[in-house]
Amino acid sequence: MKKIMDMVTNDSLIEQHLDFSKVKAFEYQLDDVMELIDMAELKIKLKEVEQEYKQNPTEINKTRLGIIFHETALNLSFFSKTTFKGYAKRSFDTLSELFNSANTSKELLPFIASYRASALSLVCAETKKLKLLGEAFALFNEAVKNYSAVSYLPEFLRGSVAENLPWFFFAKRKLAKQDFQSIIDKQNKNEEYANWKVISFTYWAWAKQRQSSKYRTQALDYLDKAIALDPNYKAGRERAEKLKMKLTK
């Protein structure tokens, strides 16, 4: 694989001035392929998105393809020895083509850059090449720097990867607390910042990171909010209910 940081365009190092309403419009078009937790639904959606891209290879459909490849790698590849292997790299390559294209709509970049970084972390997990983890976090850091003001995704995905690292990556694991708190802070200032699904996951993730008695009252409040936001078990409700039960024993 080509050295990752060589693939970062100069424009990504410059503060992006994005139209928040356009970012949210793209989020609406991508929502059905992001944060999928139902495995049967994911398999159906994968076939659907691949077919859509073959019939109409637009930039939004290519972005959807890169994201659904990411979700496939995250949720399916580690349960199969062959069927879904390689989807992490397919996601990274697809999103890299978009990220490095001068023609890509700049309001799509928060989604592309964030999932691209996460896809690289999944390539690291699949190939056991730890060098790639450092490169993935370098991409995450750039995404947070450039896009977190208008999108929850850079911090949400960085925090999600960080919280699942082994304990000896303690420096990176600290980012999980920082990132989930940052999303909540931004959401409190602007209720349109993140959607219900992401905030449900974020409240649960915040509480998971703070299980000591010092944070018990706030953690239980956030778990109740995570549950209330997700009546149909499409986001953080099931995990929040399990953690609440643990904290209230």
C-alpha atoms as a PDB file:
ATOM      1  CA  MET A   1       0.000   0.000   0.000  1.00  0.00           C
ATOM      2  CA  LYS A   2       1.262   3.402  -0.938  1.00  0.00           C
ATOM      3  CA  LYS A   3       2.463   5.516   1.991  1.00  0.00           C
ATOM      4  CA  ILE A   4      -0.759   6.994   3.312  1.00  0.00           C
ATOM      5  CA  MET A   5       0.329  10.501   4.193  1.00  0.00           C
ATOM      6  CA  ASP A   6       1.580  10.996   0.650  1.00  0.00           C
ATOM      7  CA  MET A   7      -2.039  10.678  -0.433  1.00  0.00           C
ATOM      8  CA  VAL A   8      -3.263  13.582   1.673  1.00  0.00           C
ATOM      9  CA  THR A   9      -3.884  16.578  -0.535  1.00  0.00           C
ATOM     10  CA  ASN A  10      -2.625  20.002   0.460  1.00  0.00           C
ATOM     11  CA  ASP A  11      -6.202  21.262   0.585  1.00  0.00           C
ATOM     12  CA  SER A  12      -6.933  18.919   3.493  1.00  0.00           C
ATOM     13  CA  LEU A  13      -4.377  20.770   5.587  1.00  0.00           C
ATOM     14  CA  ILE A  14      -6.235  24.039   5.180  1.00  0.00           C
ATOM     15  CA  GLU A  15      -9.273  24.948   7.267  1.00  0.00           C
ATOM     16  CA  GLN A  16     -12.335  24.036   5.259  1.00  0.00           C
ATOM     17  CA  HIS A  17     -15.189  26.539   4.918  1.00  0.00           C
ATOM     18  CA  LEU A  18     -18.214  24.355   4.410  1.00  0.00           C
ATOM     19  CA  ASP A  19     -21.926  25.073   4.117  1.00  0.00           C
ATOM     20  CA  PHE A  20     -23.546  23.357   7.124  1.00  0.00           C
ATOM     21  CA  SER A  21     -26.887  22.988   5.344  1.00  0.00           C
ATOM     22  CA  LYS A  22     -25.199  21.217   2.420  1.00  0.00           C
ATOM     23  CA  VAL A  23     -23.324  18.907   4.803  1.00  0.00           C
ATOM     24  CA  LYS A  24     -26.644  17.996   6.440  1.00  0.00           C
ATOM     25  CA  ALA A  25     -28.233  17.423   3.026  1.00  0.00           C
ATOM     26  CA  PHE A  26     -25.494  14.910   2.178  1.00  0.00           C
ATOM     27  CA  GLU A  27     -25.881  13.324   5.623  1.00  0.00           C
ATOM     28  CA  TYR A  28     -29.549  12.708   4.826  1.00  0.00           C
ATOM     29  CA  GLN A  29     -28.552  10.923   1.599  1.00  0.00           C
ATOM     30  CA  LEU A  30     -25.988   8.774   3.418  1.00  0.00           C
ATOM     31  CA  ASP A  31     -27.853   8.034   6.643  1.00  0.00           C
ATOM     32  CA  ASP A  32     -29.224   4.638   5.574  1.00  0.00           C
ATOM     33  CA  VAL A  33     -25.709   3.223   5.007  1.00  0.00           C
ATOM     34  CA  MET A  34     -24.122   4.595   8.192  1.00  0.00           C
ATOM     35  CA  GLU A  35     -24.015   2.868  11.594  1.00  0.00           C
ATOM     36  CA  LEU A  36     -25.837  -0.294  10.552  1.00  0.00           C
ATOM     37  CA  ILE A  37     -26.095  -2.862  13.349  1.00  0.00           C
ATOM     38  CA  ASP A  38     -28.593  -5.340  11.860  1.00  0.00           C
ATOM     39  CA  MET A  39     -26.551  -7.942   9.974  1.00  0.00           C
ATOM     40  CA  ALA A  40     -29.388  -9.082   7.722  1.00  0.00           C
ATOM     41  CA  GLU A  41     -30.198  -5.491   6.808  1.00  0.00           C
ATOM     42  CA  LEU A  42     -26.515  -4.812   6.106  1.00  0.00           C
ATOM     43  CA  LYS A  43     -26.216  -7.715   3.643  1.00  0.00           C
ATOM     44  CA  ILE A  44     -29.304  -6.532   1.763  1.00  0.00           C
ATOM     45  CA  LYS A  45     -28.074  -2.937   1.743  1.00  0.00           C
ATOM     46  CA  LEU A  46     -24.639  -3.987   0.427  1.00  0.00           C
ATOM     47  CA  LYS A  47     -26.169  -5.601  -2.656  1.00  0.00           C
ATOM     48  CA  GLU A  48     -28.515  -2.661  -3.148  1.00  0.00           C
ATOM     49  CA  VAL A  49     -25.757  -0.033  -2.974  1.00  0.00           C
ATOM     50  CA  GLU A  50     -23.435  -1.999  -5.267  1.00  0.00           C
ATOM     51  CA  GLN A  51     -26.222  -2.256  -7.845  1.00  0.00           C
ATOM     52  CA  GLU A  52     -27.067   1.449  -7.533  1.00  0.00           C
ATOM     53  CA  TYR A  53     -23.442   2.383  -8.200  1.00  0.00           C
ATOM     54  CA  LYS A  54     -23.211   0.112 -11.245  1.00  0.00           C
ATOM     55  CA  GLN A  55     -26.311   1.712 -12.727  1.00  0.00           C
ATOM     56  CA  ASN A  56     -25.469   5.287 -11.725  1.00  0.00           C
ATOM     57  CA  PRO A  57     -21.800   5.902 -10.744  1.00  0.00           C
ATOM     58  CA  THR A  58     -22.253   9.393  -9.270  1.00  0.00           C
ATOM     59  CA  GLU A  59     -20.073  10.802  -6.488  1.00  0.00           C
ATOM     60  CA  ILE A  60     -22.834  10.319  -3.889  1.00  0.00           C
ATOM     61  CA  ASN A  61     -23.331   6.705  -4.941  1.00  0.00           C
ATOM     62  CA  LYS A  62     -19.576   6.133  -4.847  1.00  0.00           C
ATOM     63  CA  THR A  63     -19.482   7.617  -1.339  1.00  0.00           C
ATOM     64  CA  ARG A  64     -22.339   5.332  -0.313  1.00  0.00           C
ATOM     65  CA  LEU A  65     -20.378   2.413  -1.774  1.00  0.00           C
ATOM     66  CA  GLY A  66     -17.250   3.280   0.219  1.00  0.00           C
ATOM     67  CA  ILE A  67     -19.262   3.596   3.427  1.00  0.00           C
ATOM     68  CA  ILE A  68     -21.198   0.350   2.973  1.00  0.00           C
ATOM     69  CA  PHE A  69     -17.881  -1.429   2.318  1.00  0.00           C
ATOM     70  CA  HIS A  70     -16.705   0.011   5.659  1.00  0.00           C
ATOM     71  CA  GLU A  71     -19.822  -1.212   7.479  1.00  0.00           C
ATOM     72  CA  THR A  72     -19.378  -4.642   5.889  1.00  0.00           C
ATOM     73  CA  ALA A  73     -15.759  -4.841   7.030  1.00  0.00           C
ATOM     74  CA  LEU A  74     -16.655  -3.656  10.533  1.00  0.00           C
ATOM     75  CA  ASN A  75     -19.621  -5.939  11.104  1.00  0.00           C
ATOM     76  CA  LEU A  76     -19.152  -8.969   8.852  1.00  0.00           C
ATOM     77  CA  SER A  77     -15.519  -9.551   7.895  1.00  0.00           C
ATOM     78  CA  PHE A  78     -14.369 -10.639  11.350  1.00  0.00           C
ATOM     79  CA  PHE A  79     -17.027 -13.377  11.421  1.00  0.00           C
ATOM     80  CA  SER A  80     -16.038 -14.912   8.086  1.00  0.00           C
ATOM     81  CA  LYS A  81     -12.703 -16.383   7.022  1.00  0.00           C
ATOM     82  CA  THR A  82     -13.224 -15.612   3.351  1.00  0.00           C
ATOM     83  CA  THR A  83     -16.562 -14.121   2.269  1.00  0.00           C
ATOM     84  CA  PHE A  84     -16.087 -10.559   3.473  1.00  0.00           C
ATOM     85  CA  LYS A  85     -12.324 -10.281   3.715  1.00  0.00           C
ATOM     86  CA  GLY A  86     -10.822  -7.356   1.874  1.00  0.00           C
ATOM     87  CA  TYR A  87     -13.791  -5.037   2.293  1.00  0.00           C
ATOM     88  CA  ALA A  88     -11.815  -2.708   4.572  1.00  0.00           C
ATOM     89  CA  LYS A  89      -9.269  -2.089   1.814  1.00  0.00           C
ATOM     90  CA  ARG A  90     -12.036  -1.763  -0.767  1.00  0.00           C
ATOM     91  CA  SER A  91     -13.583   0.914   1.415  1.00  0.00           C
ATOM     92  CA  PHE A  92     -10.284   2.732   1.914  1.00  0.00           C
ATOM     93  CA  ASP A  93      -9.422   2.637  -1.803  1.00  0.00           C
ATOM     94  CA  THR A  94     -12.877   3.804  -2.893  1.00  0.00           C
ATOM     95  CA  LEU A  95     -12.938   6.685  -0.428  1.00  0.00           C
ATOM     96  CA  SER A  96      -9.322   7.632  -1.186  1.00  0.00           C
ATOM     97  CA  GLU A  97     -10.209   8.062  -4.859  1.00  0.00           C
ATOM     98  CA  LEU A  98     -12.949  10.474  -3.846  1.00  0.00           C
ATOM     99  CA  PHE A  99     -10.830  12.264  -1.246  1.00  0.00           C
ATOM    100  CA  ASN A 100      -7.988  12.866  -3.663  1.00  0.00           C
ATOM    101  CA  SER A 101     -10.190  14.008  -6.541  1.00  0.00           C
ATOM    102  CA  ALA A 102     -10.326  17.737  -7.160  1.00  0.00           C
ATOM    103  CA  ASN A 103     -13.884  17.286  -8.427  1.00  0.00           C
ATOM    104  CA  THR A 104     -15.396  15.893  -5.228  1.00  0.00           C
ATOM    105  CA  SER A 105     -17.956  18.168  -3.566  1.00  0.00           C
ATOM    106  CA  LYS A 106     -16.272  19.678  -0.514  1.00  0.00           C
ATOM    107  CA  GLU A 107     -19.349  19.157   1.678  1.00  0.00           C
ATOM    108  CA  LEU A 108     -18.927  15.398   1.144  1.00  0.00           C
ATOM    109  CA  LEU A 109     -15.397  15.469   2.542  1.00  0.00           C
ATOM    110  CA  PRO A 110     -16.370  15.181   6.243  1.00  0.00           C
ATOM    111  CA  PHE A 111     -17.949  11.800   5.473  1.00  0.00           C
ATOM    112  CA  ILE A 112     -15.264  10.643   3.074  1.00  0.00           C
ATOM    113  CA  ALA A 113     -12.314  11.664   5.263  1.00  0.00           C
ATOM    114  CA  SER A 114     -13.789  10.174   8.441  1.00  0.00           C
ATOM    115  CA  TYR A 115     -14.772   6.818   6.983  1.00  0.00           C
ATOM    116  CA  ARG A 116     -11.492   6.660   5.064  1.00  0.00           C
ATOM    117  CA  ALA A 117      -9.547   6.933   8.319  1.00  0.00           C
ATOM    118  CA  SER A 118     -11.751   4.344   9.992  1.00  0.00           C
ATOM    119  CA  ALA A 119     -11.412   1.994   7.022  1.00  0.00           C
ATOM    120  CA  LEU A 120      -7.634   2.172   7.340  1.00  0.00           C
ATOM    121  CA  SER A 121      -7.897   1.211  11.014  1.00  0.00           C
ATOM    122  CA  LEU A 122      -9.914  -1.831   9.904  1.00  0.00           C
ATOM    123  CA  VAL A 123      -7.229  -2.710   7.349  1.00  0.00           C
ATOM    124  CA  CYS A 124      -4.775  -2.594  10.253  1.00  0.00           C
ATOM    125  CA  ALA A 125      -6.964  -4.958  12.302  1.00  0.00           C
ATOM    126  CA  GLU A 126      -7.312  -7.380   9.394  1.00  0.00           C
ATOM    127  CA  THR A 127      -3.672  -7.394   8.298  1.00  0.00           C
ATOM    128  CA  LYS A 128      -2.070  -6.929  11.774  1.00  0.00           C
ATOM    129  CA  LYS A 129       0.146  -4.183  10.333  1.00  0.00           C
ATOM    130  CA  LEU A 130       0.293  -1.871  13.353  1.00  0.00           C
ATOM    131  CA  LYS A 131       2.014   0.879  11.372  1.00  0.00           C
ATOM    132  CA  LEU A 132      -1.314   1.476   9.664  1.00  0.00           C
ATOM    133  CA  LEU A 133      -2.964   2.344  12.970  1.00  0.00           C
ATOM    134  CA  GLY A 134      -0.696   5.350  13.409  1.00  0.00           C
ATOM    135  CA  GLU A 135      -1.442   6.412   9.831  1.00  0.00           C
ATOM    136  CA  ALA A 136      -5.186   5.977  10.440  1.00  0.00           C
ATOM    137  CA  PHE A 137      -5.049   8.248  13.474  1.00  0.00           C
ATOM    138  CA  ALA A 138      -3.073  10.818  11.502  1.00  0.00           C
ATOM    139  CA  LEU A 139      -5.962  10.851   9.020  1.00  0.00           C
ATOM    140  CA  PHE A 140      -8.472  11.026  11.868  1.00  0.00           C
ATOM    141  CA  ASN A 141      -6.645  13.992  13.370  1.00  0.00           C
ATOM    142  CA  GLU A 142      -6.759  15.873  10.069  1.00  0.00           C
ATOM    143  CA  ALA A 143     -10.458  15.082   9.702  1.00  0.00           C
ATOM    144  CA  VAL A 144     -11.181  16.350  13.218  1.00  0.00           C
ATOM    145  CA  LYS A 145      -9.164  19.498  12.570  1.00  0.00           C
ATOM    146  CA  ASN A 146     -10.867  20.289   9.283  1.00  0.00           C
ATOM    147  CA  TYR A 147     -14.424  19.029   9.630  1.00  0.00           C
ATOM    148  CA  SER A 148     -15.550  18.510  13.247  1.00  0.00           C
ATOM    149  CA  ALA A 149     -17.063  21.999  13.403  1.00  0.00           C
ATOM    150  CA  VAL A 150     -19.720  20.963  10.883  1.00  0.00           C
ATOM    151  CA  SER A 151     -19.885  17.183  11.306  1.00  0.00           C
ATOM    152  CA  TYR A 152     -19.913  14.765  14.224  1.00  0.00           C
ATOM    153  CA  LEU A 153     -18.314  12.003  12.124  1.00  0.00           C
ATOM    154  CA  PRO A 154     -14.576  12.747  12.594  1.00  0.00           C
ATOM    155  CA  GLU A 155     -14.838  12.637  16.387  1.00  0.00           C
ATOM    156  CA  PHE A 156     -17.499   9.929  16.467  1.00  0.00           C
ATOM    157  CA  LEU A 157     -15.491   7.494  14.363  1.00  0.00           C
ATOM    158  CA  ARG A 158     -12.157   8.388  15.995  1.00  0.00           C
ATOM    159  CA  GLY A 159     -13.701   7.898  19.422  1.00  0.00           C
ATOM    160  CA  SER A 160     -15.304   4.618  18.363  1.00  0.00           C
ATOM    161  CA  VAL A 161     -11.971   3.247  17.149  1.00  0.00           C
ATOM    162  CA  ALA A 162     -10.080   4.599  20.176  1.00  0.00           C
ATOM    163  CA  GLU A 163     -12.404   3.059  22.757  1.00  0.00           C
ATOM    164  CA  ASN A 164     -11.922  -0.424  21.293  1.00  0.00           C
ATOM    165  CA  LEU A 165      -8.111  -0.399  21.259  1.00  0.00           C
ATOM    166  CA  PRO A 166      -6.167  -2.621  23.683  1.00  0.00           C
ATOM    167  CA  TRP A 167      -5.160  -0.978  26.967  1.00  0.00           C
ATOM    168  CA  PHE A 168      -1.542  -0.424  25.929  1.00  0.00           C
ATOM    169  CA  PHE A 169      -2.699   2.149  23.361  1.00  0.00           C
ATOM    170  CA  PHE A 170      -3.643   4.288  26.343  1.00  0.00           C
ATOM    171  CA  ALA A 171      -2.663   7.579  24.671  1.00  0.00           C
ATOM    172  CA  LYS A 172      -5.072   6.937  21.783  1.00  0.00           C
ATOM    173  CA  ARG A 173      -7.747   5.457  24.069  1.00  0.00           C
ATOM    174  CA  LYS A 174      -7.948   8.802  25.899  1.00  0.00           C
ATOM    175  CA  LEU A 175      -9.341  10.324  22.717  1.00  0.00           C
ATOM    176  CA  ALA A 176     -12.592   8.406  23.208  1.00  0.00           C
ATOM    177  CA  LYS A 177     -13.527  10.418  26.304  1.00  0.00           C
ATOM    178  CA  GLN A 178     -12.509  13.636  24.605  1.00  0.00           C
ATOM    179  CA  ASP A 179     -14.376  12.959  21.372  1.00  0.00           C
ATOM    180  CA  PHE A 180     -17.702  11.825  22.818  1.00  0.00           C
ATOM    181  CA  GLN A 181     -17.748  14.764  25.231  1.00  0.00           C
ATOM    182  CA  SER A 182     -17.012  17.122  22.356  1.00  0.00           C
ATOM    183  CA  ILE A 183     -19.957  15.792  20.335  1.00  0.00           C
ATOM    184  CA  ILE A 184     -22.313  16.240  23.288  1.00  0.00           C
ATOM    185  CA  ASP A 185     -21.025  19.775  23.864  1.00  0.00           C
ATOM    186  CA  LYS A 186     -21.640  20.696  20.220  1.00  0.00           C
ATOM    187  CA  GLN A 187     -25.061  19.048  20.266  1.00  0.00           C
ATOM    188  CA  ASN A 188     -26.036  21.095  23.315  1.00  0.00           C
ATOM    189  CA  LYS A 189     -25.209  24.262  21.362  1.00  0.00           C
ATOM    190  CA  ASN A 190     -26.891  23.137  18.135  1.00  0.00           C
ATOM    191  CA  GLU A 191     -29.480  20.349  18.229  1.00  0.00           C
ATOM    192  CA  GLU A 192     -29.077  19.884  14.478  1.00  0.00           C
ATOM    193  CA  TYR A 193     -25.394  18.966  14.837  1.00  0.00           C
ATOM    194  CA  ALA A 194     -25.948  15.192  15.068  1.00  0.00           C
ATOM    195  CA  ASN A 195     -28.938  12.935  14.450  1.00  0.00           C
ATOM    196  CA  TRP A 196     -30.791  10.836  17.021  1.00  0.00           C
ATOM    197  CA  LYS A 197     -28.976   7.655  16.050  1.00  0.00           C
ATOM    198  CA  VAL A 198     -25.505   9.078  16.602  1.00  0.00           C
ATOM    199  CA  ILE A 199     -26.439  10.841  19.831  1.00  0.00           C
ATOM    200  CA  SER A 200     -27.953   7.619  21.196  1.00  0.00           C
ATOM    201  CA  PHE A 201     -24.668   5.826  20.533  1.00  0.00           C
ATOM    202  CA  THR A 202     -22.704   8.797  21.909  1.00  0.00           C
ATOM    203  CA  TYR A 203     -24.570   8.935  25.223  1.00  0.00           C
ATOM    204  CA  TRP A 204     -23.958   5.208  25.690  1.00  0.00           C
ATOM    205  CA  ALA A 205     -20.277   5.543  24.739  1.00  0.00           C
ATOM    206  CA  TRP A 206     -19.827   8.474  27.163  1.00  0.00           C
ATOM    207  CA  ALA A 207     -21.267   6.408  30.015  1.00  0.00           C
ATOM    208  CA  LYS A 208     -19.185   3.384  29.062  1.00  0.00           C
ATOM    209  CA  GLN A 209     -16.043   5.493  29.414  1.00  0.00           C
ATOM    210  CA  ARG A 210     -17.108   6.815  32.846  1.00  0.00           C
ATOM    211  CA  GLN A 211     -18.396   3.957  34.986  1.00  0.00           C
ATOM    212  CA  SER A 212     -16.910   5.072  38.318  1.00  0.00           C
ATOM    213  CA  SER A 213     -19.124   6.323  41.156  1.00  0.00           C
ATOM    214  CA  LYS A 214     -17.864   9.860  40.467  1.00  0.00           C
ATOM    215  CA  TYR A 215     -19.814   9.972  37.203  1.00  0.00           C
ATOM    216  CA  ARG A 216     -22.664   7.600  38.126  1.00  0.00           C
ATOM    217  CA  THR A 217     -25.503  10.146  38.170  1.00  0.00           C
ATOM    218  CA  GLN A 218     -24.518  11.714  34.840  1.00  0.00           C
ATOM    219  CA  ALA A 219     -23.861   8.317  33.264  1.00  0.00           C
ATOM    220  CA  LEU A 220     -27.315   7.016  34.221  1.00  0.00           C
ATOM    221  CA  ASP A 221     -28.923  10.186  32.891  1.00  0.00           C
ATOM    222  CA  TYR A 222     -27.131   9.763  29.565  1.00  0.00           C
ATOM    223  CA  LEU A 223     -28.062   6.081  29.392  1.00  0.00           C
ATOM    224  CA  ASP A 224     -31.716   6.988  29.873  1.00  0.00           C
ATOM    225  CA  LYS A 225     -31.387   9.499  27.043  1.00  0.00           C
ATOM    226  CA  ALA A 226     -29.719   6.888  24.801  1.00  0.00           C
ATOM    227  CA  ILE A 227     -32.628   4.539  25.462  1.00  0.00           C
ATOM    228  CA  ALA A 228     -35.314   7.180  24.919  1.00  0.00           C
ATOM    229  CA  LEU A 229     -33.831   8.221  21.583  1.00  0.00           C
ATOM    230  CA  ASP A 230     -33.922   4.648  20.252  1.00  0.00           C
ATOM    231  CA  PRO A 231     -37.369   3.075  20.771  1.00  0.00           C
ATOM    232  CA  ASN A 232     -36.869   0.531  17.986  1.00  0.00           C
ATOM    233  CA  TYR A 233     -33.380  -0.712  18.911  1.00  0.00           C
ATOM    234  CA  LYS A 234     -31.682   0.764  15.842  1.00  0.00           C
ATOM    235  CA  ALA A 235     -28.856   2.538  17.719  1.00  0.00           C
ATOM    236  CA  GLY A 236     -27.532   2.501  21.285  1.00  0.00           C
ATOM    237  CA  ARG A 237     -30.573   1.283  23.232  1.00  0.00           C
ATOM    238  CA  GLU A 238     -29.659  -2.377  23.724  1.00  0.00           C
ATOM    239  CA  ARG A 239     -26.113  -1.531  24.840  1.00  0.00           C
ATOM    240  CA  ALA A 240     -27.372   1.291  27.058  1.00  0.00           C
ATOM    241  CA  GLU A 241     -29.875  -1.005  28.771  1.00  0.00           C
ATOM    242  CA  LYS A 242     -27.169  -3.573  29.497  1.00  0.00           C
ATOM    243  CA  LEU A 243     -24.799  -0.952  30.902  1.00  0.00           C
ATOM    244  CA  LYS A 244     -27.564   0.624  32.994  1.00  0.00           C
ATOM    245  CA  MET A 245     -28.355  -2.756  34.493  1.00  0.00           C
ATOM    246  CA  LYS A 246     -24.682  -3.221  35.360  1.00  0.00           C
ATOM    247  CA  LEU A 247     -24.376   0.226  36.967  1.00  0.00           C
ATOM    248  CA  THR A 248     -27.547  -0.129  39.051  1.00  0.00           C
ATOM    249  CA  LYS A 249     -26.904  -3.564  40.517  1.00  0.00           C
END
